[in-house]
Protein backbone atom coordinates (compact mmCIF):
# COMPACT_ATOMS: atom_id res chain seq x y z
CA MET A 1 11.83 -9.54 18.69
CA LEU A 2 10.43 -9.91 15.41
CA ALA A 3 13.38 -11.73 13.73
CA LEU A 4 11.60 -12.24 10.63
CA GLN A 5 13.98 -12.51 7.74
CA GLY A 6 16.82 -14.79 8.45
CA ALA A 7 20.42 -14.53 9.37
CA ALA A 8 22.47 -11.52 8.58
CA ASP A 9 24.15 -13.12 5.69
CA GLY A 10 20.63 -13.95 4.18
CA THR A 11 20.64 -17.53 5.04
CA GLY A 12 18.90 -19.66 7.64
CA ALA A 13 15.43 -19.35 9.22
CA VAL A 14 14.96 -17.79 12.60
CA PRO A 15 11.97 -17.87 14.97
CA GLY A 16 8.96 -15.69 14.42
CA ARG A 17 6.20 -15.46 12.11
CA ARG A 18 6.58 -13.05 8.95
CA VAL A 19 4.75 -9.87 8.61
CA ALA A 20 3.13 -8.64 5.38
CA ILE A 21 1.64 -5.42 4.60
CA THR A 22 -1.40 -6.15 2.55
CA GLY A 23 -3.41 -2.75 2.64
CA VAL A 24 -2.67 1.02 3.06
CA GLY A 25 -5.01 3.88 3.64
CA VAL A 26 -4.04 7.55 4.16
CA VAL A 27 -5.59 10.96 4.82
CA ALA A 28 -3.05 13.75 4.49
CA SER A 29 -2.93 17.38 3.64
CA CYS A 30 -1.32 16.54 0.19
CA GLY A 31 -4.04 14.07 -0.83
CA ILE A 32 -6.80 11.66 0.70
CA GLY A 33 -6.35 8.21 -0.53
CA ALA A 34 -3.16 6.46 -1.42
CA GLU A 35 -2.92 7.57 -4.95
CA ALA A 36 -3.40 11.21 -4.39
CA PHE A 37 -1.13 11.09 -1.33
CA TRP A 38 1.55 9.51 -3.63
CA ALA A 39 1.04 12.15 -6.23
CA GLY A 40 1.43 14.80 -3.54
CA LEU A 41 4.58 13.50 -2.41
CA LEU A 42 5.96 13.67 -5.94
CA GLY A 43 4.78 17.35 -6.38
CA PRO A 44 6.15 20.70 -5.38
CA ALA A 45 6.32 21.86 -1.78
CA PRO A 46 3.10 23.47 -0.69
CA THR A 47 3.18 27.19 0.16
CA THR A 48 0.69 26.94 2.96
CA THR A 49 2.10 27.62 6.48
CA ILE A 50 -0.30 25.09 8.02
CA ARG A 51 -0.91 21.70 6.31
CA ARG A 52 -4.64 21.06 6.86
CA VAL A 53 -6.68 18.21 5.38
CA GLU A 54 -9.22 19.65 3.00
CA GLY A 55 -12.21 17.91 1.58
CA LEU A 56 -12.71 14.96 3.84
CA ASP A 57 -16.19 13.68 4.29
CA ALA A 58 -16.46 10.83 6.84
CA THR A 59 -20.36 11.15 6.74
CA ALA A 60 -20.63 7.79 4.81
CA LEU A 61 -19.00 6.06 7.70
CA TYR A 62 -20.86 7.53 10.62
CA GLY A 63 -24.12 9.15 9.20
CA PRO A 64 -25.04 12.99 9.40
CA LYS A 65 -25.88 12.86 13.03
CA GLU A 66 -23.24 10.79 14.40
CA ILE A 67 -20.43 12.57 12.56
CA ARG A 68 -21.08 15.51 14.92
CA ARG A 69 -19.88 13.36 17.83
CA VAL A 70 -16.50 12.26 16.26
CA ASP A 71 -13.49 14.44 16.51
CA PRO A 72 -11.50 14.98 13.41
CA PHE A 73 -8.54 12.65 14.53
CA THR A 74 -10.99 9.79 14.88
CA GLN A 75 -12.57 10.58 11.41
CA PHE A 76 -9.03 10.59 9.82
CA ALA A 77 -8.23 7.26 11.31
CA ALA A 78 -11.66 5.77 10.28
CA VAL A 79 -11.45 6.88 6.61
CA ALA A 80 -7.77 5.56 6.41
CA ALA A 81 -8.85 2.34 7.91
CA GLU A 82 -11.63 1.96 5.35
CA GLU A 83 -9.40 2.46 2.44
CA ALA A 84 -6.67 0.00 4.02
CA VAL A 85 -9.28 -2.73 4.63
CA THR A 86 -10.69 -2.30 0.93
CA ASP A 87 -7.20 -2.28 -0.39
CA ALA A 88 -6.51 -5.59 1.39
CA GLY A 89 -9.70 -7.25 -0.21
CA GLY A 90 -12.36 -6.27 2.32
CA VAL A 91 -13.16 -7.20 5.63
CA ASP A 92 -14.81 -10.61 5.00
CA ALA A 93 -11.68 -11.77 3.19
CA LEU A 94 -9.45 -10.16 5.79
CA ARG A 95 -10.91 -10.69 9.29
CA GLY A 96 -10.67 -14.37 9.69
CA ASP A 97 -11.13 -15.21 13.41
CA PRO A 98 -12.08 -11.95 15.03
CA ASP A 99 -10.51 -12.72 18.07
CA ARG A 100 -6.98 -13.02 16.41
CA ALA A 101 -7.54 -9.61 14.73
CA GLY A 102 -6.31 -6.59 16.39
CA VAL A 103 -6.32 -2.81 16.13
CA ILE A 104 -3.49 -0.53 17.21
CA ILE A 105 -4.05 3.24 16.37
CA GLY A 106 -1.89 5.85 18.03
CA THR A 107 -2.15 9.57 18.45
CA GLY A 108 -0.06 12.38 20.07
CA VAL A 109 -2.68 14.61 21.46
CA GLY A 110 -6.11 12.93 20.58
CA GLY A 111 -9.22 15.05 20.44
CA LEU A 112 -7.69 18.56 20.94
CA ASP A 113 -10.39 20.22 18.65
CA THR A 114 -12.95 18.83 20.94
CA LEU A 115 -11.23 19.87 24.20
CA GLN A 116 -10.94 23.52 22.87
CA ASP A 117 -14.54 23.75 21.74
CA GLN A 118 -15.87 22.42 25.06
CA THR A 119 -13.64 24.41 27.23
CA LYS A 120 -15.30 27.43 25.33
CA VAL A 121 -18.57 26.18 25.97
CA LEU A 122 -17.78 25.73 29.71
CA LEU A 123 -16.41 29.21 30.03
CA GLU A 124 -19.22 31.04 28.09
CA ARG A 125 -22.31 29.00 28.87
CA GLY A 126 -21.60 27.07 31.92
CA SER A 127 -20.89 23.38 33.02
CA ARG A 128 -24.40 22.11 32.42
CA ARG A 129 -23.85 22.76 28.56
CA VAL A 130 -20.72 20.91 28.19
CA SER A 131 -21.42 17.92 25.75
CA PRO A 132 -21.87 14.49 27.49
CA PHE A 133 -19.79 13.22 24.50
CA LEU A 134 -16.78 15.40 25.37
CA VAL A 135 -14.76 12.23 26.98
CA PRO A 136 -15.66 9.69 24.29
CA MET A 137 -14.74 12.38 21.70
CA MET A 138 -11.36 13.54 23.11
CA MET A 139 -9.99 10.26 24.51
CA GLY A 140 -6.84 9.00 22.78
CA ASN A 141 -8.21 5.53 22.27
CA ARG A 142 -11.41 6.65 20.55
CA ALA A 143 -9.78 5.95 16.90
CA ALA A 144 -8.75 2.44 17.84
CA ALA A 145 -12.06 1.60 19.45
CA ASP A 146 -14.19 2.85 16.50
CA VAL A 147 -12.12 0.74 14.01
CA SER A 148 -12.28 -2.13 16.10
CA MET A 149 -16.17 -1.92 16.44
CA ARG A 150 -16.70 -1.15 12.75
CA TYR A 151 -15.07 -4.23 11.58
CA GLY A 152 -15.75 -6.50 14.49
CA LEU A 153 -12.02 -7.05 15.50
CA ARG A 154 -12.04 -8.52 19.03
CA GLY A 155 -8.24 -9.00 19.47
CA PRO A 156 -6.04 -6.48 21.19
CA CYS A 157 -7.33 -2.93 20.80
CA GLU A 158 -4.84 -0.37 21.98
CA ALA A 159 -3.65 3.27 21.25
CA THR A 160 -0.13 4.05 21.65
CA VAL A 161 0.66 7.67 22.84
CA THR A 162 4.22 8.53 22.27
CA ALA A 163 4.07 11.88 20.83
CA CYS A 164 5.67 12.24 17.35
CA ALA A 165 6.77 8.48 17.49
CA ALA A 166 3.24 6.99 18.06
CA GLY A 167 2.59 6.09 14.44
CA THR A 168 5.91 4.22 14.25
CA HIS A 169 5.47 2.40 17.42
CA SER A 170 1.86 1.34 16.52
CA VAL A 171 2.94 -0.41 13.42
CA GLY A 172 6.00 -1.89 15.28
CA ASN A 173 3.68 -3.01 18.05
CA GLY A 174 1.18 -4.42 15.61
CA ALA A 175 3.75 -6.30 13.78
CA ARG A 176 5.05 -7.88 16.90
CA LEU A 177 1.36 -9.25 17.68
CA ILE A 178 1.48 -11.10 14.45
CA ALA A 179 5.18 -12.33 14.71
CA THR A 180 4.63 -13.63 18.20
CA GLY A 181 1.49 -15.49 17.25
CA ARG A 182 -1.08 -13.61 19.13
CA CYS A 183 -2.88 -12.03 16.10
CA ASP A 184 -3.16 -12.97 12.37
CA VAL A 185 -4.10 -9.58 11.19
CA VAL A 186 -3.89 -6.09 12.72
CA LEU A 187 -5.00 -2.76 11.68
CA ALA A 188 -2.09 -0.43 12.83
CA GLY A 189 -1.55 3.32 12.35
CA SER A 190 -2.19 6.79 13.85
CA ALA A 191 -4.04 9.90 13.43
CA GLU A 192 -3.71 13.51 14.55
CA ALA A 193 -5.84 16.69 14.29
CA PRO A 194 -3.76 19.29 16.41
CA LEU A 195 -4.71 22.38 14.33
CA SER A 196 -6.87 24.23 16.96
CA GLU A 197 -5.94 27.69 18.09
CA ILE A 198 -4.54 26.29 21.38
CA GLY A 199 -2.50 23.63 19.75
CA ILE A 200 -0.79 26.00 17.15
CA ALA A 201 -0.33 28.69 19.91
CA GLY A 202 1.46 26.08 22.13
CA PHE A 203 3.80 25.15 19.57
CA ALA A 204 4.55 28.54 18.44
CA ASN A 205 5.18 29.75 21.77
CA MET A 206 7.59 27.04 22.46
CA THR A 207 9.42 28.18 19.07
CA ALA A 208 9.02 24.90 17.55
CA LEU A 209 7.32 26.21 14.68
CA SER A 210 9.03 27.64 11.45
CA THR A 211 9.12 31.45 11.55
CA SER A 212 9.48 31.44 7.65
CA GLY A 213 6.54 29.17 7.22
CA VAL A 214 8.46 26.70 5.22
CA SER A 215 9.38 23.13 5.96
CA LYS A 216 13.08 22.55 4.99
CA PRO A 217 14.26 19.12 6.27
CA PHE A 218 18.20 18.96 6.52
CA ASP A 219 18.51 22.37 4.95
CA ALA A 220 21.24 24.83 6.26
CA HIS A 221 18.49 27.38 6.82
CA ARG A 222 15.80 25.30 8.47
CA ASP A 223 14.07 27.09 11.21
CA GLY A 224 11.43 24.74 12.62
CA PHE A 225 8.57 22.63 11.50
CA VAL A 226 5.34 23.31 9.80
CA ILE A 227 2.35 21.82 11.46
CA GLY A 228 -0.02 19.45 9.93
CA GLU A 229 -2.58 16.85 10.52
CA GLY A 230 -3.73 13.53 8.99
CA GLY A 231 -3.94 9.75 9.55
CA ALA A 232 -2.78 6.41 8.10
CA VAL A 233 -3.52 2.91 8.56
CA LEU A 234 -1.59 -0.30 7.36
CA VAL A 235 -3.06 -3.80 7.25
CA LEU A 236 -0.70 -6.08 8.61
CA GLU A 237 -1.01 -9.78 8.17
CA GLU A 238 0.91 -13.14 8.59
CA LEU A 239 2.56 -13.83 5.63
CA GLU A 240 1.59 -17.22 4.75
CA ARG A 241 -2.10 -16.39 5.37
CA ALA A 242 -1.73 -13.42 3.07
CA LYS A 243 -0.26 -15.55 0.41
CA ALA A 244 -2.95 -18.21 0.71
CA ARG A 245 -5.66 -15.87 0.01
CA GLY A 246 -3.90 -14.19 -2.90
CA ALA A 247 -3.36 -10.86 -1.07
CA HIS A 248 -1.36 -8.21 -2.77
CA ILE A 249 1.90 -7.69 -0.57
CA TYR A 250 3.73 -4.36 -0.47
CA ALA A 251 6.43 -5.38 1.60
CA GLU A 252 7.25 -7.11 4.89
CA ILE A 253 8.03 -5.61 8.23
CA ALA A 254 11.20 -7.48 9.38
CA GLY A 255 12.09 -5.64 12.43
CA ALA A 256 11.21 -2.78 14.85
CA ALA A 257 12.68 -1.01 17.86
CA SER A 258 11.88 1.46 20.46
CA THR A 259 14.16 3.43 22.75
CA ALA A 260 14.17 6.24 24.93
CA ASP A 261 16.71 9.24 25.09
CA ALA A 262 16.12 9.77 28.86
CA HIS A 263 17.50 13.29 28.30
CA HIS A 264 15.03 16.05 27.78
CA VAL A 265 11.30 16.52 27.31
CA THR A 266 11.63 18.23 23.83
CA ALA A 267 15.44 18.13 22.83
CA PRO A 268 16.96 15.06 21.26
CA ALA A 269 19.89 13.48 23.06
CA PRO A 270 23.38 14.93 22.12
CA GLY A 271 24.87 13.32 19.08
CA GLY A 272 21.59 11.46 18.42
CA CYS A 273 22.66 8.42 20.84
CA GLY A 274 19.19 7.40 21.53
CA ALA A 275 18.27 7.33 17.76
CA VAL A 276 21.67 5.28 17.15
CA ALA A 277 20.57 2.65 19.66
CA CYS A 278 17.11 2.59 18.11
CA LEU A 279 18.42 2.11 14.58
CA GLU A 280 20.91 -0.57 15.76
CA GLN A 281 18.27 -2.53 17.66
CA ALA A 282 15.88 -2.51 14.62
CA LEU A 283 18.55 -3.81 12.28
CA LEU A 284 19.47 -6.57 15.01
CA ASP A 285 15.71 -7.33 15.27
CA ALA A 286 15.54 -7.73 11.43
CA CYS A 287 18.89 -9.72 11.39
CA LEU A 288 20.35 -7.26 8.86
CA ARG A 289 23.50 -5.52 8.61
CA PRO A 290 23.65 -1.50 8.02
CA ASP A 291 25.16 -2.08 4.71
CA GLN A 292 22.10 -3.99 3.52
CA VAL A 293 19.98 -1.01 4.06
CA SER A 294 19.48 1.24 0.89
CA HIS A 295 16.96 3.59 1.96
CA VAL A 296 15.74 5.58 4.92
CA ASN A 297 12.48 7.55 5.24
CA ALA A 298 13.65 9.87 8.04
CA HIS A 299 11.92 11.67 10.72
CA GLY A 300 13.35 15.09 9.31
CA THR A 301 11.11 17.61 10.81
CA SER A 302 13.16 20.77 9.99
CA THR A 303 14.15 21.82 13.40
CA PRO A 304 17.59 22.67 14.03
CA LEU A 305 18.39 20.18 16.78
CA ASN A 306 16.20 17.18 15.61
CA ASP A 307 17.63 17.20 12.02
CA ALA A 308 21.12 17.53 13.18
CA ALA A 309 20.86 14.63 15.72
CA GLU A 310 19.13 12.45 13.02
CA ALA A 311 21.89 13.13 10.60
CA GLN A 312 24.50 12.25 13.21
CA ALA A 313 22.82 9.11 14.00
CA LEU A 314 22.48 7.97 10.30
CA SER A 315 26.01 8.72 9.76
CA LYS A 316 27.16 6.84 12.89
CA VAL A 317 25.08 3.57 11.88
CA PHE A 318 25.51 3.65 8.27
CA GLY A 319 28.70 5.61 7.55
CA THR A 320 28.95 8.33 4.89
CA PRO A 321 27.21 8.97 2.66
CA GLY A 322 25.01 5.97 3.65
CA PRO A 323 21.55 4.96 2.17
CA ALA A 324 19.37 7.43 0.19
CA VAL A 325 17.46 9.46 2.78
CA THR A 326 14.21 11.34 2.34
CA SER A 327 11.86 13.29 4.46
CA ILE A 328 8.20 13.65 3.26
CA LYS A 329 7.60 16.59 5.86
CA GLY A 330 8.49 19.11 3.32
CA VAL A 331 5.08 18.11 1.70
CA THR A 332 2.99 16.82 4.56
CA GLY A 333 4.24 19.18 7.34
CA HIS A 334 4.84 17.67 10.84
CA SER A 335 1.64 15.86 11.79
CA LEU A 336 2.87 14.74 15.21
CA GLY A 337 1.51 11.34 16.27
CA ALA A 338 0.33 10.73 12.67
CA ALA A 339 3.67 11.23 11.20
CA GLY A 340 5.09 7.78 11.63
CA SER A 341 2.21 6.05 10.12
CA LEU A 342 2.07 8.49 6.98
CA GLU A 343 5.67 7.71 6.64
CA ALA A 344 5.13 4.06 6.94
CA VAL A 345 2.46 4.27 4.03
CA ALA A 346 4.96 6.30 2.04
CA LEU A 347 7.52 3.77 2.41
CA ALA A 348 5.14 0.81 1.32
CA LEU A 349 4.18 2.86 -1.75
CA THR A 350 7.87 3.47 -2.49
CA TYR A 351 8.14 -0.25 -2.65
CA LYS A 352 5.19 -0.35 -5.08
CA HIS A 353 6.29 2.32 -7.35
CA ARG A 354 10.16 1.81 -7.02
CA VAL A 355 10.71 5.45 -6.65
CA ILE A 356 11.99 7.50 -3.63
CA PRO A 357 10.05 10.82 -3.18
CA PRO A 358 12.36 13.94 -3.00
CA THR A 359 12.72 16.00 0.14
CA ALA A 360 10.65 19.01 -0.70
CA GLY A 361 11.74 22.28 0.55
CA LEU A 362 15.42 21.34 0.96
CA THR A 363 17.49 23.57 -1.32
CA GLN A 364 20.79 23.62 0.53
CA LEU A 365 22.00 20.76 2.69
CA ASP A 366 23.51 21.73 5.89
CA PRO A 367 27.19 21.38 5.39
CA GLU A 368 27.59 19.52 8.72
CA MET A 369 25.72 16.60 7.47
CA SER A 370 27.18 13.83 5.42
CA ILE A 371 24.23 12.11 4.27
CA ASP A 372 22.65 11.14 0.86
CA VAL A 373 19.55 13.25 0.85
CA VAL A 374 17.21 12.76 -2.19
CA THR A 375 16.47 16.27 -3.49
CA GLY A 376 14.94 18.03 -6.56
CA GLU A 377 13.49 14.95 -8.22
CA ALA A 378 12.31 11.50 -7.24
CA ARG A 379 15.06 8.82 -7.57
CA GLN A 380 14.59 5.53 -9.10
CA TRP A 381 14.99 2.65 -6.68
CA ASP A 382 15.23 -1.01 -6.62
CA PRO A 383 13.47 -2.41 -3.70
CA ALA A 384 15.83 -3.62 -0.90
CA PRO A 385 15.80 -3.38 2.88
CA ALA A 386 14.67 0.21 4.02
CA MET A 387 13.97 1.97 7.36
CA SER A 388 11.46 4.43 8.61
CA ASN A 389 12.16 6.63 11.72
CA SER A 390 10.24 8.69 14.21
CA PHE A 391 11.71 10.54 17.27
CA GLY A 392 9.17 12.39 19.46
CA PHE A 393 8.92 14.70 22.53
CA GLY A 394 9.88 13.03 25.76
CA GLY A 395 12.72 11.34 24.06
CA HIS A 396 10.58 8.51 22.33
CA ASN A 397 12.53 6.83 19.30
CA GLY A 398 11.07 4.44 16.94
CA SER A 399 12.30 2.54 13.94
CA LEU A 400 10.89 0.07 11.37
CA VAL A 401 12.77 -2.25 8.93
CA PHE A 402 10.94 -3.04 5.70
CA VAL A 403 12.22 -5.76 3.26
CA PRO A 404 10.98 -6.69 -0.03
CA SER A 405 8.61 -9.79 0.09
CA ILE A 406 10.12 -13.07 -1.49
């Protein structure tokens, strides 16, 4: 367990090294780069029915020839990692012992664009014309491998593949590597590029997508999610090391948890019981009481079952109305495996700006829900313990606990 903060009453040290966030990078449909991303979160809900990243150019990282051999999901991760490393002070200041520097970058479906394109080649032109780069382009660990090679990080290099919880699990797993002493720094995050014809058709035919084309988290009239893409990476660093080199610290990751619903491949467990267990274990890991948490960045996909289960879980753990809740998916859409890392960056920026973004798209809170959802305008916030949640297909649950760095 991370156990980074101290006893639940705020006194006394507990085992485990403290984990600081010292850099963030993001590629999202509402903005490329942390500043543009944050401005997008505070802006109006987009009207597009698909939330696509526009204007990204990763040629500077790969070159004009190699870029053709890199799937968009890997490009998203590479650009986000470059921003995060620069934000943290640059690789020379950051890396230290390369054997104690790791990378965990997750995904839900990996190189789906590449798979679709090369399947067309196979059917139309024959097997001999299929690209020899197919496998290294589509494999889910490509983003983590590229980032590791680019910066010479020789510690653990892994890809977490837990559907829509992949980003949250990647950040939690990265924090654990630091807390337990295996690594001093970890680049953690996730990326997703699912907007191929086959990806959109699959989600549409399982009736997961919004029929209105509008993402309405926790709304009485929500009717499914709006699909999106993107990627985000956070630089996680052992706190004393970060302080010694004068790094800017957004917040600390004080706890993390992962549970399984063991219920259904797409539907959440009744009453959000799996989410409840995840929230409670994350709080236990951080040695915090529920009443110490003042904000939750929710999974909030805008699907009827998921939002209902999450709202029930929040009420069971925190009471009513509980902490201030927001979902950024009204702006970003649901970017599947990238969602958790996008939301972790959003929470880090919430600490920086001391403002909680509103839940775009929400106009009428579901009357069955007794949670305090931030709507309309951003809400001023004094940094305090906060959580970020992700709940994925397959029953994967993930929660992170952030705290101000003191």
